[in-house]
Amino acid sequence: MSAFPAEGSRVWKYEILIPIGGPGFLSRLDEIDAWLTEGDVAHQVKIIVGSGIVIRFTDEDFARAFAEAFALDPRKLRDVTQSTDACRCSPDVEDH
């Protein structure tokens, strides 16, 4: 995956939960990696929890395109710009 030099200064406002498991999970991860790399999309893989992997984006358009490309629920997108100290994880993984 591409490295972004200013990554520390980015605000990761949008995130998607990718469920872990199921048939074809590993090949799906390869497809996700290819999509992010080929598109040179700024992203951050933040955490892995029992139910999924959280990928964060700085741009809403990329986050929505990602959700659509991989048939993920866009309702799991959450703008966290109003919260400075609160957990920035998807509502599905806030208990981490």
N, C-alpha and C. Protein backbone atom coordinates (compact mmCIF):
# COMPACT_ATOMS: atom_id res chain seq x y z
N MET A 1 0.84 -1.18 0.00
CA MET A 1 0.00 0.00 0.00
C MET A 1 0.89 1.24 0.00
N SER A 2 0.41 2.29 -0.57
CA SER A 2 1.19 3.51 -0.70
C SER A 2 1.45 4.16 0.65
N ALA A 3 2.59 4.81 0.74
CA ALA A 3 2.91 5.57 1.94
C ALA A 3 2.62 7.04 1.66
N PHE A 4 2.07 7.71 2.63
CA PHE A 4 1.74 9.12 2.48
C PHE A 4 2.54 9.90 3.51
N PRO A 5 3.52 10.74 3.07
CA PRO A 5 4.42 11.41 4.00
C PRO A 5 3.73 12.28 5.04
N ALA A 6 2.64 12.91 4.70
CA ALA A 6 1.97 13.82 5.64
C ALA A 6 0.89 13.10 6.43
N GLU A 7 0.99 11.78 6.54
CA GLU A 7 -0.06 10.99 7.16
C GLU A 7 -0.40 11.45 8.57
N GLY A 8 0.60 11.84 9.34
CA GLY A 8 0.36 12.27 10.72
C GLY A 8 -0.47 13.53 10.82
N SER A 9 -0.45 14.35 9.77
CA SER A 9 -1.20 15.60 9.82
C SER A 9 -2.60 15.48 9.23
N ARG A 10 -2.94 14.31 8.72
CA ARG A 10 -4.26 14.11 8.13
C ARG A 10 -5.33 13.93 9.21
N VAL A 11 -6.55 14.31 8.88
CA VAL A 11 -7.69 14.08 9.76
C VAL A 11 -8.49 12.95 9.13
N TRP A 12 -8.54 11.83 9.81
CA TRP A 12 -9.23 10.64 9.31
C TRP A 12 -10.69 10.71 9.74
N LYS A 13 -11.53 11.34 8.91
CA LYS A 13 -12.91 11.64 9.28
C LYS A 13 -13.91 10.55 8.95
N TYR A 14 -13.58 9.68 8.02
CA TYR A 14 -14.55 8.70 7.54
C TYR A 14 -13.96 7.30 7.67
N GLU A 15 -14.79 6.37 8.07
CA GLU A 15 -14.28 5.02 8.25
C GLU A 15 -15.29 3.96 7.83
N ILE A 16 -14.74 2.80 7.51
CA ILE A 16 -15.53 1.67 7.06
C ILE A 16 -15.11 0.45 7.87
N LEU A 17 -16.07 -0.33 8.30
CA LEU A 17 -15.79 -1.59 8.97
C LEU A 17 -15.86 -2.71 7.94
N ILE A 18 -14.78 -3.48 7.83
CA ILE A 18 -14.75 -4.63 6.93
C ILE A 18 -14.90 -5.87 7.80
N PRO A 19 -15.99 -6.60 7.67
CA PRO A 19 -16.19 -7.80 8.48
C PRO A 19 -15.13 -8.86 8.19
N ILE A 20 -14.66 -9.52 9.23
CA ILE A 20 -13.67 -10.58 9.09
C ILE A 20 -14.37 -11.92 8.90
N GLY A 21 -13.83 -12.74 8.01
CA GLY A 21 -14.32 -14.10 7.84
C GLY A 21 -15.17 -14.28 6.62
N GLY A 22 -15.68 -15.48 6.52
CA GLY A 22 -16.54 -15.83 5.39
C GLY A 22 -15.73 -16.36 4.22
N PRO A 23 -16.41 -16.97 3.27
CA PRO A 23 -15.71 -17.51 2.11
C PRO A 23 -15.07 -16.39 1.29
N GLY A 24 -13.85 -16.61 0.88
CA GLY A 24 -13.16 -15.64 0.04
C GLY A 24 -12.63 -14.42 0.76
N PHE A 25 -12.56 -14.46 2.08
CA PHE A 25 -12.13 -13.28 2.83
C PHE A 25 -10.73 -12.82 2.44
N LEU A 26 -9.79 -13.76 2.34
CA LEU A 26 -8.41 -13.38 2.02
C LEU A 26 -8.29 -12.82 0.61
N SER A 27 -9.01 -13.39 -0.35
CA SER A 27 -8.96 -12.84 -1.70
C SER A 27 -9.61 -11.45 -1.74
N ARG A 28 -10.61 -11.26 -0.91
CA ARG A 28 -11.25 -9.94 -0.82
C ARG A 28 -10.26 -8.90 -0.29
N LEU A 29 -9.44 -9.30 0.70
CA LEU A 29 -8.41 -8.39 1.20
C LEU A 29 -7.43 -8.02 0.10
N ASP A 30 -7.07 -8.98 -0.75
CA ASP A 30 -6.18 -8.69 -1.88
C ASP A 30 -6.83 -7.69 -2.83
N GLU A 31 -8.12 -7.84 -3.09
CA GLU A 31 -8.84 -6.91 -3.96
C GLU A 31 -8.89 -5.51 -3.34
N ILE A 32 -9.10 -5.45 -2.04
CA ILE A 32 -9.13 -4.16 -1.34
C ILE A 32 -7.78 -3.48 -1.43
N ASP A 33 -6.71 -4.25 -1.19
CA ASP A 33 -5.36 -3.71 -1.27
C ASP A 33 -5.08 -3.16 -2.67
N ALA A 34 -5.47 -3.93 -3.69
CA ALA A 34 -5.25 -3.49 -5.07
C ALA A 34 -6.03 -2.21 -5.37
N TRP A 35 -7.27 -2.12 -4.91
CA TRP A 35 -8.11 -0.94 -5.15
C TRP A 35 -7.47 0.30 -4.52
N LEU A 36 -7.02 0.16 -3.29
CA LEU A 36 -6.41 1.29 -2.57
C LEU A 36 -5.07 1.69 -3.19
N THR A 37 -4.28 0.70 -3.59
CA THR A 37 -2.96 0.97 -4.15
C THR A 37 -3.06 1.56 -5.55
N GLU A 38 -3.85 0.94 -6.41
CA GLU A 38 -3.98 1.42 -7.78
C GLU A 38 -4.58 2.82 -7.84
N GLY A 39 -5.50 3.10 -6.94
CA GLY A 39 -6.11 4.42 -6.91
C GLY A 39 -5.30 5.43 -6.13
N ASP A 40 -4.19 4.99 -5.52
CA ASP A 40 -3.34 5.85 -4.69
C ASP A 40 -4.19 6.63 -3.68
N VAL A 41 -5.08 5.88 -3.01
CA VAL A 41 -6.04 6.47 -2.09
C VAL A 41 -5.43 6.59 -0.68
N ALA A 42 -5.47 7.79 -0.13
CA ALA A 42 -5.01 7.98 1.25
C ALA A 42 -5.93 7.23 2.19
N HIS A 43 -5.36 6.35 2.99
CA HIS A 43 -6.16 5.55 3.91
C HIS A 43 -5.30 5.16 5.10
N GLN A 44 -5.96 4.66 6.11
CA GLN A 44 -5.28 4.20 7.31
C GLN A 44 -6.02 2.97 7.82
N VAL A 45 -5.28 1.89 8.04
CA VAL A 45 -5.86 0.71 8.67
C VAL A 45 -5.61 0.91 10.15
N LYS A 46 -6.69 1.15 10.88
CA LYS A 46 -6.53 1.57 12.26
C LYS A 46 -6.46 0.43 13.25
N ILE A 47 -7.45 -0.43 13.25
CA ILE A 47 -7.47 -1.49 14.26
C ILE A 47 -8.07 -2.76 13.67
N ILE A 48 -7.78 -3.84 14.33
CA ILE A 48 -8.45 -5.10 14.02
C ILE A 48 -9.11 -5.54 15.31
N VAL A 49 -10.40 -5.78 15.24
CA VAL A 49 -11.16 -6.26 16.39
C VAL A 49 -11.80 -7.59 16.03
N GLY A 50 -12.43 -8.21 16.96
CA GLY A 50 -13.03 -9.52 16.72
C GLY A 50 -13.93 -9.60 15.50
N SER A 51 -14.62 -8.52 15.18
CA SER A 51 -15.59 -8.59 14.09
C SER A 51 -15.13 -7.95 12.79
N GLY A 52 -14.02 -7.23 12.79
CA GLY A 52 -13.64 -6.59 11.55
C GLY A 52 -12.39 -5.75 11.60
N ILE A 53 -12.06 -5.20 10.44
CA ILE A 53 -10.93 -4.31 10.25
C ILE A 53 -11.51 -2.93 9.93
N VAL A 54 -10.97 -1.91 10.55
CA VAL A 54 -11.44 -0.55 10.29
C VAL A 54 -10.45 0.14 9.36
N ILE A 55 -10.95 0.65 8.24
CA ILE A 55 -10.14 1.44 7.32
C ILE A 55 -10.69 2.85 7.34
N ARG A 56 -9.79 3.81 7.53
CA ARG A 56 -10.19 5.22 7.61
C ARG A 56 -9.74 5.99 6.37
N PHE A 57 -10.50 7.01 6.05
CA PHE A 57 -10.23 7.86 4.91
C PHE A 57 -10.33 9.32 5.33
N THR A 58 -9.63 10.19 4.62
CA THR A 58 -9.74 11.62 4.86
C THR A 58 -10.82 12.24 4.00
N ASP A 59 -11.17 11.58 2.93
CA ASP A 59 -12.09 12.13 1.94
C ASP A 59 -13.37 11.31 1.88
N GLU A 60 -14.50 11.96 2.01
CA GLU A 60 -15.78 11.27 2.00
C GLU A 60 -16.05 10.57 0.67
N ASP A 61 -15.66 11.20 -0.44
CA ASP A 61 -15.89 10.59 -1.75
C ASP A 61 -15.16 9.25 -1.88
N PHE A 62 -13.90 9.20 -1.42
CA PHE A 62 -13.15 7.94 -1.45
C PHE A 62 -13.80 6.91 -0.53
N ALA A 63 -14.23 7.34 0.64
CA ALA A 63 -14.86 6.40 1.58
C ALA A 63 -16.13 5.82 0.99
N ARG A 64 -16.95 6.65 0.39
CA ARG A 64 -18.19 6.16 -0.20
C ARG A 64 -17.92 5.27 -1.42
N ALA A 65 -16.94 5.65 -2.24
CA ALA A 65 -16.59 4.83 -3.40
C ALA A 65 -16.07 3.46 -2.94
N PHE A 66 -15.28 3.46 -1.88
CA PHE A 66 -14.76 2.22 -1.32
C PHE A 66 -15.91 1.34 -0.82
N ALA A 67 -16.83 1.94 -0.07
CA ALA A 67 -17.97 1.19 0.45
C ALA A 67 -18.80 0.60 -0.68
N GLU A 68 -18.99 1.37 -1.74
CA GLU A 68 -19.77 0.89 -2.88
C GLU A 68 -19.03 -0.21 -3.64
N ALA A 69 -17.74 -0.03 -3.84
CA ALA A 69 -16.94 -1.00 -4.59
C ALA A 69 -16.92 -2.38 -3.93
N PHE A 70 -16.97 -2.39 -2.61
CA PHE A 70 -16.88 -3.65 -1.89
C PHE A 70 -18.17 -4.03 -1.17
N ALA A 71 -19.27 -3.43 -1.60
CA ALA A 71 -20.61 -3.75 -1.07
C ALA A 71 -20.63 -3.69 0.46
N LEU A 72 -20.04 -2.65 1.00
CA LEU A 72 -20.06 -2.44 2.45
C LEU A 72 -21.13 -1.41 2.78
N ASP A 73 -21.62 -1.45 3.96
CA ASP A 73 -22.73 -0.59 4.38
C ASP A 73 -22.23 0.84 4.61
N PRO A 74 -22.63 1.80 3.76
CA PRO A 74 -22.18 3.18 3.94
C PRO A 74 -22.69 3.82 5.22
N ARG A 75 -23.68 3.20 5.89
CA ARG A 75 -24.13 3.75 7.17
C ARG A 75 -23.06 3.60 8.24
N LYS A 76 -22.07 2.79 7.96
CA LYS A 76 -20.98 2.65 8.92
C LYS A 76 -19.97 3.79 8.80
N LEU A 77 -20.20 4.68 7.84
CA LEU A 77 -19.38 5.88 7.74
C LEU A 77 -19.80 6.83 8.85
N ARG A 78 -18.85 7.48 9.45
CA ARG A 78 -19.18 8.42 10.51
C ARG A 78 -18.23 9.59 10.46
N ASP A 79 -18.73 10.79 10.41
CA ASP A 79 -17.91 11.99 10.43
C ASP A 79 -17.58 12.28 11.90
N VAL A 80 -16.31 12.22 12.23
CA VAL A 80 -15.92 12.40 13.64
C VAL A 80 -15.24 13.74 13.86
N THR A 81 -15.43 14.69 12.96
CA THR A 81 -14.74 15.97 13.08
C THR A 81 -15.22 16.76 14.29
N GLN A 82 -16.40 16.48 14.80
CA GLN A 82 -16.91 17.21 15.95
C GLN A 82 -16.30 16.71 17.26
N SER A 83 -15.71 15.54 17.21
CA SER A 83 -15.17 14.90 18.41
C SER A 83 -13.65 14.92 18.37
N THR A 84 -13.01 15.53 19.35
CA THR A 84 -11.56 15.60 19.34
C THR A 84 -10.93 14.51 20.18
N ASP A 85 -11.51 14.15 21.30
CA ASP A 85 -10.91 13.16 22.18
C ASP A 85 -11.65 11.83 22.19
N ALA A 86 -12.82 11.80 21.61
CA ALA A 86 -13.64 10.59 21.65
C ALA A 86 -13.08 9.54 20.70
N CYS A 87 -13.46 8.31 20.93
CA CYS A 87 -13.08 7.22 20.04
C CYS A 87 -13.58 7.53 18.64
N ARG A 88 -12.75 7.32 17.66
CA ARG A 88 -13.13 7.63 16.28
C ARG A 88 -13.49 6.38 15.49
N CYS A 89 -13.82 5.32 16.16
CA CYS A 89 -14.14 4.08 15.47
C CYS A 89 -15.59 4.04 15.04
N SER A 90 -15.85 3.17 14.11
CA SER A 90 -17.20 2.95 13.64
C SER A 90 -18.09 2.57 14.81
N PRO A 91 -19.37 2.89 14.77
CA PRO A 91 -20.27 2.53 15.87
C PRO A 91 -20.24 1.03 16.19
N ASP A 92 -19.92 0.21 15.21
CA ASP A 92 -19.86 -1.24 15.44
C ASP A 92 -18.68 -1.66 16.29
N VAL A 93 -17.66 -0.81 16.41
CA VAL A 93 -16.46 -1.21 17.15
C VAL A 93 -16.08 -0.21 18.22
N GLU A 94 -17.00 0.58 18.68
CA GLU A 94 -16.68 1.61 19.67
C GLU A 94 -16.24 1.05 21.00
N ASP A 95 -16.54 -0.19 21.30
CA ASP A 95 -16.20 -0.74 22.60
C ASP A 95 -14.76 -1.18 22.71
N HIS A 96 -13.94 -0.99 21.70
CA HIS A 96 -12.57 -1.51 21.77
C HIS A 96 -11.84 -0.76 22.79
